[in-house]
Amino acid sequence: MPKKTTPLVDETGEVRELTATDLRQFKPAAQVLDPQLYGELLKMNARARRGPQKAAVKQATTIRLSPEVMAAFKATGAGWQTRIDNALRDWLITHSPS
């Protein structure tokens, strides 16, 4: 006789917390969805991905800055790292890094 499983939804429509047993019973979407629907989902996901870079890609780095510089740039809100990059670009116009 198969084990009795606890319903995922109660009488009010609330979904209970999933257990490890519930997760082990899940199957991959490709096995349970209509192939046409699954194909459409894959296409939608592919369109949502970022395309190739149009300009030169920035490089990730670690840099040590004084607390005052960090505070000043972070205080300007989101995009503060780009503003540091722009400030360094401006500095390179009139200075040599040597």
PDB file of N, CA and C in Angstrom:
ATOM      1  N   MET A   1       0.844  -1.186   0.000  1.00  0.00           N
ATOM      2  CA  MET A   1       0.000   0.000   0.000  1.00  0.00           C
ATOM      3  C   MET A   1       0.887   1.246   0.000  1.00  0.00           C
ATOM      4  N   PRO A   2       0.655   2.216  -0.933  1.00  0.00           N
ATOM      5  CA  PRO A   2       1.501   3.416  -1.002  1.00  0.00           C
ATOM      6  C   PRO A   2       1.313   4.290   0.237  1.00  0.00           C
ATOM      7  N   LYS A   3       2.403   5.030   0.538  1.00  0.00           N
ATOM      8  CA  LYS A   3       2.349   5.949   1.679  1.00  0.00           C
ATOM      9  C   LYS A   3       1.346   7.059   1.416  1.00  0.00           C
ATOM     10  N   LYS A   4       0.671   7.473   2.468  1.00  0.00           N
ATOM     11  CA  LYS A   4      -0.254   8.597   2.343  1.00  0.00           C
ATOM     12  C   LYS A   4       0.562   9.884   2.466  1.00  0.00           C
ATOM     13  N   THR A   5       0.389  10.783   1.506  1.00  0.00           N
ATOM     14  CA  THR A   5       1.107  12.049   1.554  1.00  0.00           C
ATOM     15  C   THR A   5       0.185  13.151   2.066  1.00  0.00           C
ATOM     16  N   THR A   6       0.783  14.109   2.734  1.00  0.00           N
ATOM     17  CA  THR A   6       0.032  15.250   3.244  1.00  0.00           C
ATOM     18  C   THR A   6      -0.250  16.198   2.089  1.00  0.00           C
ATOM     19  N   PRO A   7      -1.495  16.662   1.948  1.00  0.00           N
ATOM     20  CA  PRO A   7      -1.795  17.604   0.861  1.00  0.00           C
ATOM     21  C   PRO A   7      -0.937  18.867   0.979  1.00  0.00           C
ATOM     22  N   LEU A   8      -0.576  19.429  -0.164  1.00  0.00           N
ATOM     23  CA  LEU A   8       0.243  20.647  -0.166  1.00  0.00           C
ATOM     24  C   LEU A   8      -0.565  21.881   0.223  1.00  0.00           C
ATOM     25  N   VAL A   9      -1.895  21.809   0.048  1.00  0.00           N
ATOM     26  CA  VAL A   9      -2.757  22.960   0.300  1.00  0.00           C
ATOM     27  C   VAL A   9      -3.795  22.577   1.340  1.00  0.00           C
ATOM     28  N   ASP A  10      -4.035  23.485   2.300  1.00  0.00           N
ATOM     29  CA  ASP A  10      -5.068  23.189   3.302  1.00  0.00           C
ATOM     30  C   ASP A  10      -6.441  23.656   2.810  1.00  0.00           C
ATOM     31  N   GLU A  11      -7.445  23.550   3.690  1.00  0.00           N
ATOM     32  CA  GLU A  11      -8.826  23.885   3.313  1.00  0.00           C
ATOM     33  C   GLU A  11      -8.992  25.347   2.896  1.00  0.00           C
ATOM     34  N   THR A  12      -8.139  26.228   3.434  1.00  0.00           N
ATOM     35  CA  THR A  12      -8.261  27.660   3.126  1.00  0.00           C
ATOM     36  C   THR A  12      -7.461  28.059   1.887  1.00  0.00           C
ATOM     37  N   GLY A  13      -6.714  27.089   1.328  1.00  0.00           N
ATOM     38  CA  GLY A  13      -5.923  27.407   0.141  1.00  0.00           C
ATOM     39  C   GLY A  13      -4.485  27.778   0.447  1.00  0.00           C
ATOM     40  N   GLU A  14      -4.103  27.739   1.729  1.00  0.00           N
ATOM     41  CA  GLU A  14      -2.731  28.051   2.104  1.00  0.00           C
ATOM     42  C   GLU A  14      -1.823  26.874   1.778  1.00  0.00           C
ATOM     43  N   VAL A  15      -0.676  27.162   1.193  1.00  0.00           N
ATOM     44  CA  VAL A  15       0.294  26.118   0.874  1.00  0.00           C
ATOM     45  C   VAL A  15       1.189  25.910   2.092  1.00  0.00           C
ATOM     46  N   ARG A  16       1.344  24.647   2.472  1.00  0.00           N
ATOM     47  CA  ARG A  16       2.195  24.353   3.623  1.00  0.00           C
ATOM     48  C   ARG A  16       3.665  24.405   3.221  1.00  0.00           C
ATOM     49  N   GLU A  17       4.531  24.435   4.216  1.00  0.00           N
ATOM     50  CA  GLU A  17       5.965  24.433   3.952  1.00  0.00           C
ATOM     51  C   GLU A  17       6.355  23.078   3.374  1.00  0.00           C
ATOM     52  N   LEU A  18       7.182  23.103   2.332  1.00  0.00           N
ATOM     53  CA  LEU A  18       7.606  21.861   1.695  1.00  0.00           C
ATOM     54  C   LEU A  18       8.657  21.168   2.546  1.00  0.00           C
ATOM     55  N   THR A  19       8.620  19.855   2.548  1.00  0.00           N
ATOM     56  CA  THR A  19       9.580  19.059   3.300  1.00  0.00           C
ATOM     57  C   THR A  19      10.577  18.430   2.334  1.00  0.00           C
ATOM     58  N   ALA A  20      11.611  17.816   2.887  1.00  0.00           N
ATOM     59  CA  ALA A  20      12.601  17.124   2.064  1.00  0.00           C
ATOM     60  C   ALA A  20      11.936  15.984   1.293  1.00  0.00           C
ATOM     61  N   THR A  21      10.965  15.332   1.915  1.00  0.00           N
ATOM     62  CA  THR A  21      10.235  14.254   1.237  1.00  0.00           C
ATOM     63  C   THR A  21       9.477  14.795   0.026  1.00  0.00           C
ATOM     64  N   ASP A  22       8.845  15.962   0.188  1.00  0.00           N
ATOM     65  CA  ASP A  22       8.135  16.584  -0.943  1.00  0.00           C
ATOM     66  C   ASP A  22       9.113  16.851  -2.090  1.00  0.00           C
ATOM     67  N   LEU A  23      10.259  17.422  -1.771  1.00  0.00           N
ATOM     68  CA  LEU A  23      11.231  17.798  -2.805  1.00  0.00           C
ATOM     69  C   LEU A  23      11.766  16.575  -3.542  1.00  0.00           C
ATOM     70  N   ARG A  24      11.933  15.460  -2.826  1.00  0.00           N
ATOM     71  CA  ARG A  24      12.413  14.232  -3.482  1.00  0.00           C
ATOM     72  C   ARG A  24      11.388  13.704  -4.492  1.00  0.00           C
ATOM     73  N   GLN A  25      10.130  14.028  -4.312  1.00  0.00           N
ATOM     74  CA  GLN A  25       9.086  13.543  -5.216  1.00  0.00           C
ATOM     75  C   GLN A  25       8.936  14.419  -6.460  1.00  0.00           C
ATOM     76  N   PHE A  26       9.524  15.601  -6.466  1.00  0.00           N
ATOM     77  CA  PHE A  26       9.422  16.483  -7.624  1.00  0.00           C
ATOM     78  C   PHE A  26      10.130  15.864  -8.818  1.00  0.00           C
ATOM     79  N   LYS A  27       9.623  16.154 -10.001  1.00  0.00           N
ATOM     80  CA  LYS A  27      10.219  15.679 -11.241  1.00  0.00           C
ATOM     81  C   LYS A  27      10.649  16.880 -12.065  1.00  0.00           C
ATOM     82  N   PRO A  28      11.646  16.724 -12.934  1.00  0.00           N
ATOM     83  CA  PRO A  28      12.062  17.815 -13.803  1.00  0.00           C
ATOM     84  C   PRO A  28      10.912  18.264 -14.703  1.00  0.00           C
ATOM     85  N   ALA A  29      10.866  19.540 -15.000  1.00  0.00           N
ATOM     86  CA  ALA A  29       9.793  20.102 -15.830  1.00  0.00           C
ATOM     87  C   ALA A  29       9.690  19.392 -17.175  1.00  0.00           C
ATOM     88  N   ALA A  30      10.829  18.996 -17.733  1.00  0.00           N
ATOM     89  CA  ALA A  30      10.818  18.331 -19.040  1.00  0.00           C
ATOM     90  C   ALA A  30      10.046  17.018 -19.004  1.00  0.00           C
ATOM     91  N   GLN A  31       9.963  16.396 -17.823  1.00  0.00           N
ATOM     92  CA  GLN A  31       9.254  15.113 -17.715  1.00  0.00           C
ATOM     93  C   GLN A  31       7.751  15.279 -17.524  1.00  0.00           C
ATOM     94  N   VAL A  32       7.313  16.417 -17.015  1.00  0.00           N
ATOM     95  CA  VAL A  32       5.894  16.542 -16.672  1.00  0.00           C
ATOM     96  C   VAL A  32       5.124  17.537 -17.533  1.00  0.00           C
ATOM     97  N   LEU A  33       5.814  18.437 -18.209  1.00  0.00           N
ATOM     98  CA  LEU A  33       5.120  19.424 -19.037  1.00  0.00           C
ATOM     99  C   LEU A  33       4.935  18.906 -20.457  1.00  0.00           C
ATOM    100  N   ASP A  34       3.918  19.428 -21.110  1.00  0.00           N
ATOM    101  CA  ASP A  34       3.716  19.166 -22.527  1.00  0.00           C
ATOM    102  C   ASP A  34       4.969  19.631 -23.266  1.00  0.00           C
ATOM    103  N   PRO A  35       5.515  18.826 -24.182  1.00  0.00           N
ATOM    104  CA  PRO A  35       6.755  19.204 -24.874  1.00  0.00           C
ATOM    105  C   PRO A  35       6.694  20.577 -25.543  1.00  0.00           C
ATOM    106  N   GLN A  36       5.554  20.935 -26.121  1.00  0.00           N
ATOM    107  CA  GLN A  36       5.431  22.234 -26.780  1.00  0.00           C
ATOM    108  C   GLN A  36       5.531  23.365 -25.752  1.00  0.00           C
ATOM    109  N   LEU A  37       4.842  23.214 -24.609  1.00  0.00           N
ATOM    110  CA  LEU A  37       4.898  24.217 -23.561  1.00  0.00           C
ATOM    111  C   LEU A  37       6.313  24.331 -23.000  1.00  0.00           C
ATOM    112  N   TYR A  38       6.949  23.185 -22.778  1.00  0.00           N
ATOM    113  CA  TYR A  38       8.317  23.195 -22.255  1.00  0.00           C
ATOM    114  C   TYR A  38       9.257  23.904 -23.230  1.00  0.00           C
ATOM    115  N   GLY A  39       9.071  23.649 -24.526  1.00  0.00           N
ATOM    116  CA  GLY A  39       9.887  24.324 -25.538  1.00  0.00           C
ATOM    117  C   GLY A  39       9.693  25.831 -25.508  1.00  0.00           C
ATOM    118  N   GLU A  40       8.455  26.288 -25.327  1.00  0.00           N
ATOM    119  CA  GLU A  40       8.169  27.728 -25.249  1.00  0.00           C
ATOM    120  C   GLU A  40       8.837  28.345 -24.018  1.00  0.00           C
ATOM    121  N   LEU A  41       8.809  27.627 -22.902  1.00  0.00           N
ATOM    122  CA  LEU A  41       9.459  28.129 -21.687  1.00  0.00           C
ATOM    123  C   LEU A  41      10.963  28.276 -21.896  1.00  0.00           C
ATOM    124  N   LEU A  42      11.561  27.304 -22.582  1.00  0.00           N
ATOM    125  CA  LEU A  42      12.995  27.389 -22.864  1.00  0.00           C
ATOM    126  C   LEU A  42      13.311  28.597 -23.744  1.00  0.00           C
ATOM    127  N   LYS A  43      12.462  28.856 -24.740  1.00  0.00           N
ATOM    128  CA  LYS A  43      12.669  30.020 -25.622  1.00  0.00           C
ATOM    129  C   LYS A  43      12.558  31.316 -24.838  1.00  0.00           C
ATOM    130  N   MET A  44      11.555  31.404 -23.938  1.00  0.00           N
ATOM    131  CA  MET A  44      11.379  32.614 -23.126  1.00  0.00           C
ATOM    132  C   MET A  44      12.608  32.838 -22.255  1.00  0.00           C
ATOM    133  N   ASN A  45      13.133  31.777 -21.678  1.00  0.00           N
ATOM    134  CA  ASN A  45      14.307  31.892 -20.819  1.00  0.00           C
ATOM    135  C   ASN A  45      15.522  32.343 -21.627  1.00  0.00           C
ATOM    136  N   ALA A  46      15.655  31.836 -22.842  1.00  0.00           N
ATOM    137  CA  ALA A  46      16.784  32.210 -23.697  1.00  0.00           C
ATOM    138  C   ALA A  46      16.724  33.690 -24.055  1.00  0.00           C
ATOM    139  N   ARG A  47      15.509  34.213 -24.279  1.00  0.00           N
ATOM    140  CA  ARG A  47      15.374  35.639 -24.615  1.00  0.00           C
ATOM    141  C   ARG A  47      15.704  36.527 -23.420  1.00  0.00           C
ATOM    142  N   ALA A  48      15.521  36.019 -22.212  1.00  0.00           N
ATOM    143  CA  ALA A  48      15.742  36.826 -21.013  1.00  0.00           C
ATOM    144  C   ALA A  48      17.219  36.946 -20.669  1.00  0.00           C
ATOM    145  N   ARG A  49      18.042  36.116 -21.264  1.00  0.00           N
ATOM    146  CA  ARG A  49      19.474  36.163 -20.957  1.00  0.00           C
ATOM    147  C   ARG A  49      20.117  37.380 -21.598  1.00  0.00           C
ATOM    148  N   ARG A  50      21.195  37.820 -20.971  1.00  0.00           N
ATOM    149  CA  ARG A  50      21.944  38.965 -21.478  1.00  0.00           C
ATOM    150  C   ARG A  50      22.707  38.566 -22.734  1.00  0.00           C
ATOM    151  N   GLY A  51      22.686  39.418 -23.718  1.00  0.00           N
ATOM    152  CA  GLY A  51      23.384  39.157 -24.966  1.00  0.00           C
ATOM    153  C   GLY A  51      24.860  39.515 -24.874  1.00  0.00           C
ATOM    154  N   PRO A  52      25.572  39.393 -25.981  1.00  0.00           N
ATOM    155  CA  PRO A  52      26.996  39.708 -25.983  1.00  0.00           C
ATOM    156  C   PRO A  52      27.228  41.201 -25.729  1.00  0.00           C
ATOM    157  N   GLN A  53      28.359  41.505 -25.143  1.00  0.00           N
ATOM    158  CA  GLN A  53      28.718  42.892 -24.842  1.00  0.00           C
ATOM    159  C   GLN A  53      28.942  43.664 -26.140  1.00  0.00           C
ATOM    160  N   LYS A  54      28.401  44.869 -26.199  1.00  0.00           N
ATOM    161  CA  LYS A  54      28.582  45.715 -27.378  1.00  0.00           C
ATOM    162  C   LYS A  54      29.835  46.569 -27.258  1.00  0.00           C
ATOM    163  N   ALA A  55      30.198  46.904 -26.026  1.00  0.00           N
ATOM    164  CA  ALA A  55      31.402  47.692 -25.777  1.00  0.00           C
ATOM    165  C   ALA A  55      32.403  46.813 -25.023  1.00  0.00           C
ATOM    166  N   ALA A  56      33.581  47.344 -24.812  1.00  0.00           N
ATOM    167  CA  ALA A  56      34.601  46.607 -24.070  1.00  0.00           C
ATOM    168  C   ALA A  56      34.060  46.232 -22.693  1.00  0.00           C
ATOM    169  N   VAL A  57      34.347  45.015 -22.265  1.00  0.00           N
ATOM    170  CA  VAL A  57      33.876  44.524 -20.978  1.00  0.00           C
ATOM    171  C   VAL A  57      34.785  45.062 -19.874  1.00  0.00           C
ATOM    172  N   LYS A  58      34.182  45.519 -18.801  1.00  0.00           N
ATOM    173  CA  LYS A  58      34.971  45.972 -17.656  1.00  0.00           C
ATOM    174  C   LYS A  58      35.558  44.765 -16.953  1.00  0.00           C
ATOM    175  N   GLN A  59      36.655  44.981 -16.259  1.00  0.00           N
ATOM    176  CA  GLN A  59      37.302  43.906 -15.523  1.00  0.00           C
ATOM    177  C   GLN A  59      37.018  44.055 -14.042  1.00  0.00           C
ATOM    178  N   ALA A  60      36.714  42.958 -13.388  1.00  0.00           N
ATOM    179  CA  ALA A  60      36.527  42.966 -11.940  1.00  0.00           C
ATOM    180  C   ALA A  60      37.896  43.047 -11.276  1.00  0.00           C
ATOM    181  N   THR A  61      37.971  43.816 -10.203  1.00  0.00           N
ATOM    182  CA  THR A  61      39.235  43.976  -9.498  1.00  0.00           C
ATOM    183  C   THR A  61      38.963  44.260  -8.030  1.00  0.00           C
ATOM    184  N   THR A  62      39.998  44.191  -7.242  1.00  0.00           N
ATOM    185  CA  THR A  62      39.920  44.598  -5.846  1.00  0.00           C
ATOM    186  C   THR A  62      40.832  45.799  -5.703  1.00  0.00           C
ATOM    187  N   ILE A  63      40.326  46.848  -5.109  1.00  0.00           N
ATOM    188  CA  ILE A  63      41.103  48.074  -4.947  1.00  0.00           C
ATOM    189  C   ILE A  63      40.879  48.589  -3.530  1.00  0.00           C
ATOM    190  N   ARG A  64      41.919  49.131  -2.931  1.00  0.00           N
ATOM    191  CA  ARG A  64      41.808  49.688  -1.592  1.00  0.00           C
ATOM    192  C   ARG A  64      41.678  51.204  -1.716  1.00  0.00           C
ATOM    193  N   LEU A  65      40.608  51.730  -1.155  1.00  0.00           N
ATOM    194  CA  LEU A  65      40.360  53.170  -1.179  1.00  0.00           C
ATOM    195  C   LEU A  65      40.238  53.668   0.254  1.00  0.00           C
ATOM    196  N   SER A  66      40.518  54.934   0.446  1.00  0.00           N
ATOM    197  CA  SER A  66      40.382  55.502   1.786  1.00  0.00           C
ATOM    198  C   SER A  66      38.906  55.527   2.178  1.00  0.00           C
ATOM    199  N   PRO A  67      38.621  55.452   3.472  1.00  0.00           N
ATOM    200  CA  PRO A  67      37.235  55.466   3.922  1.00  0.00           C
ATOM    201  C   PRO A  67      36.478  56.711   3.459  1.00  0.00           C
ATOM    202  N   GLU A  68      37.166  57.845   3.383  1.00  0.00           N
ATOM    203  CA  GLU A  68      36.511  59.087   2.963  1.00  0.00           C
ATOM    204  C   GLU A  68      36.059  59.014   1.506  1.00  0.00           C
ATOM    205  N   VAL A  69      36.916  58.435   0.661  1.00  0.00           N
ATOM    206  CA  VAL A  69      36.568  58.306  -0.759  1.00  0.00           C
ATOM    207  C   VAL A  69      35.388  57.346  -0.911  1.00  0.00           C
ATOM    208  N   MET A  70      35.446  56.211  -0.233  1.00  0.00           N
ATOM    209  CA  MET A  70      34.350  55.239  -0.309  1.00  0.00           C
ATOM    210  C   MET A  70      33.041  55.857   0.167  1.00  0.00           C
ATOM    211  N   ALA A  71      33.088  56.555   1.307  1.00  0.00           N
ATOM    212  CA  ALA A  71      31.870  57.152   1.860  1.00  0.00           C
ATOM    213  C   ALA A  71      31.287  58.186   0.903  1.00  0.00           C
ATOM    214  N   ALA A  72      32.172  59.003   0.315  1.00  0.00           N
ATOM    215  CA  ALA A  72      31.697  60.053  -0.588  1.00  0.00           C
ATOM    216  C   ALA A  72      31.004  59.461  -1.816  1.00  0.00           C
ATOM    217  N   PHE A  73      31.600  58.446  -2.402  1.00  0.00           N
ATOM    218  CA  PHE A  73      31.004  57.850  -3.597  1.00  0.00           C
ATOM    219  C   PHE A  73      29.756  57.033  -3.263  1.00  0.00           C
ATOM    220  N   LYS A  74      29.796  56.274  -2.163  1.00  0.00           N
ATOM    221  CA  LYS A  74      28.619  55.483  -1.784  1.00  0.00           C
ATOM    222  C   LYS A  74      27.437  56.380  -1.420  1.00  0.00           C
ATOM    223  N   ALA A  75      27.729  57.559  -0.895  1.00  0.00           N
ATOM    224  CA  ALA A  75      26.661  58.485  -0.511  1.00  0.00           C
ATOM    225  C   ALA A  75      25.885  58.987  -1.727  1.00  0.00           C
ATOM    226  N   THR A  76      26.457  58.833  -2.921  1.00  0.00           N
ATOM    227  CA  THR A  76      25.768  59.285  -4.131  1.00  0.00           C
ATOM    228  C   THR A  76      24.761  58.253  -4.629  1.00  0.00           C
ATOM    229  N   GLY A  77      24.696  57.085  -3.969  1.00  0.00           N
ATOM    230  CA  GLY A  77      23.692  56.087  -4.309  1.00  0.00           C
ATOM    231  C   GLY A  77      24.179  55.049  -5.303  1.00  0.00           C
ATOM    232  N   ALA A  78      23.220  54.323  -5.854  1.00  0.00           N
ATOM    233  CA  ALA A  78      23.527  53.250  -6.804  1.00  0.00           C
ATOM    234  C   ALA A  78      24.345  53.790  -7.967  1.00  0.00           C
ATOM    235  N   GLY A  79      25.279  52.977  -8.431  1.00  0.00           N
ATOM    236  CA  GLY A  79      26.142  53.386  -9.537  1.00  0.00           C
ATOM    237  C   GLY A  79      27.434  54.034  -9.075  1.00  0.00           C
ATOM    238  N   TRP A  80      27.712  53.953  -7.776  1.00  0.00           N
ATOM    239  CA  TRP A  80      28.901  54.624  -7.250  1.00  0.00           C
ATOM    240  C   TRP A  80      30.181  54.043  -7.832  1.00  0.00           C
ATOM    241  N   GLN A  81      30.226  52.755  -8.138  1.00  0.00           N
ATOM    242  CA  GLN A  81      31.434  52.173  -8.723  1.00  0.00           C
ATOM    243  C   GLN A  81      31.668  52.713 -10.132  1.00  0.00           C
ATOM    244  N   THR A  82      30.609  52.915 -10.889  1.00  0.00           N
ATOM    245  CA  THR A  82      30.737  53.508 -12.224  1.00  0.00           C
ATOM    246  C   THR A  82      31.251  54.935 -12.110  1.00  0.00           C
ATOM    247  N   ARG A  83      30.787  55.666 -11.097  1.00  0.00           N
ATOM    248  CA  ARG A  83      31.275  57.039 -10.918  1.00  0.00           C
ATOM    249  C   ARG A  83      32.750  57.067 -10.544  1.00  0.00           C
ATOM    250  N   ILE A  84      33.218  56.096  -9.769  1.00  0.00           N
ATOM    251  CA  ILE A  84      34.657  56.011  -9.483  1.00  0.00           C
ATOM    252  C   ILE A  84      35.407  55.749 -10.783  1.00  0.00           C
ATOM    253  N   ASP A  85      34.897  54.842 -11.614  1.00  0.00           N
ATOM    254  CA  ASP A  85      35.530  54.547 -12.901  1.00  0.00           C
ATOM    255  C   ASP A  85      35.591  55.807 -13.764  1.00  0.00           C
ATOM    256  N   ASN A  86      34.502  56.563 -13.801  1.00  0.00           N
ATOM    257  CA  ASN A  86      34.475  57.796 -14.594  1.00  0.00           C
ATOM    258  C   ASN A  86      35.460  58.832 -14.043  1.00  0.00           C
ATOM    259  N   ALA A  87      35.562  58.929 -12.714  1.00  0.00           N
ATOM    260  CA  ALA A  87      36.505  59.877 -12.109  1.00  0.00           C
ATOM    261  C   ALA A  87      37.938  59.501 -12.466  1.00  0.00           C
ATOM    262  N   LEU A  88      38.240  58.224 -12.455  1.00  0.00           N
ATOM    263  CA  LEU A  88      39.592  57.785 -12.829  1.00  0.00           C
ATOM    264  C   LEU A  88      39.860  58.028 -14.319  1.00  0.00           C
ATOM    265  N   ARG A  89      38.864  57.833 -15.159  1.00  0.00           N
ATOM    266  CA  ARG A  89      39.021  58.132 -16.596  1.00  0.00           C
ATOM    267  C   ARG A  89      39.330  59.619 -16.808  1.00  0.00           C
ATOM    268  N   ASP A  90      38.578  60.480 -16.108  1.00  0.00           N
ATOM    269  CA  ASP A  90      38.823  61.927 -16.207  1.00  0.00           C
ATOM    270  C   ASP A  90      40.236  62.270 -15.751  1.00  0.00           C
ATOM    271  N   TRP A  91      40.675  61.632 -14.673  1.00  0.00           N
ATOM    272  CA  TRP A  91      42.015  61.899 -14.151  1.00  0.00           C
ATOM    273  C   TRP A  91      43.080  61.510 -15.176  1.00  0.00           C
ATOM    274  N   LEU A  92      42.867  60.400 -15.902  1.00  0.00           N
ATOM    275  CA  LEU A  92      43.833  59.940 -16.894  1.00  0.00           C
ATOM    276  C   LEU A  92      43.991  60.905 -18.065  1.00  0.00           C
ATOM    277  N   ILE A  93      42.990  61.752 -18.300  1.00  0.00           N
ATOM    278  CA  ILE A  93      43.075  62.714 -19.406  1.00  0.00           C
ATOM    279  C   ILE A  93      44.197  63.704 -19.165  1.00  0.00           C
ATOM    280  N   THR A  94      44.392  64.102 -17.929  1.00  0.00           N
ATOM    281  CA  THR A  94      45.384  65.151 -17.614  1.00  0.00           C
ATOM    282  C   THR A  94      46.579  64.635 -16.835  1.00  0.00           C
ATOM    283  N   HIS A  95      46.600  63.365 -16.479  1.00  0.00           N
ATOM    284  CA  HIS A  95      47.692  62.822 -15.664  1.00  0.00           C
ATOM    285  C   HIS A  95      48.231  61.535 -16.280  1.00  0.00           C
ATOM    286  N   SER A  96      49.436  61.198 -15.875  1.00  0.00           N
ATOM    287  CA  SER A  96      50.027  59.913 -16.264  1.00  0.00           C
ATOM    288  C   SER A  96      50.111  59.048 -15.011  1.00  0.00           C
ATOM    289  N   PRO A  97      49.742  57.794 -15.099  1.00  0.00           N
ATOM    290  CA  PRO A  97      49.746  56.969 -13.898  1.00  0.00           C
ATOM    291  C   PRO A  97      51.142  56.575 -13.401  1.00  0.00           C
ATOM    292  N   SER A  98      52.185  57.017 -14.083  1.00  0.00           N
ATOM    293  CA  SER A  98      53.540  56.641 -13.674  1.00  0.00           C
ATOM    294  C   SER A  98      54.025  57.367 -12.448  1.00  0.00           C
TER     295      SER A  98
END
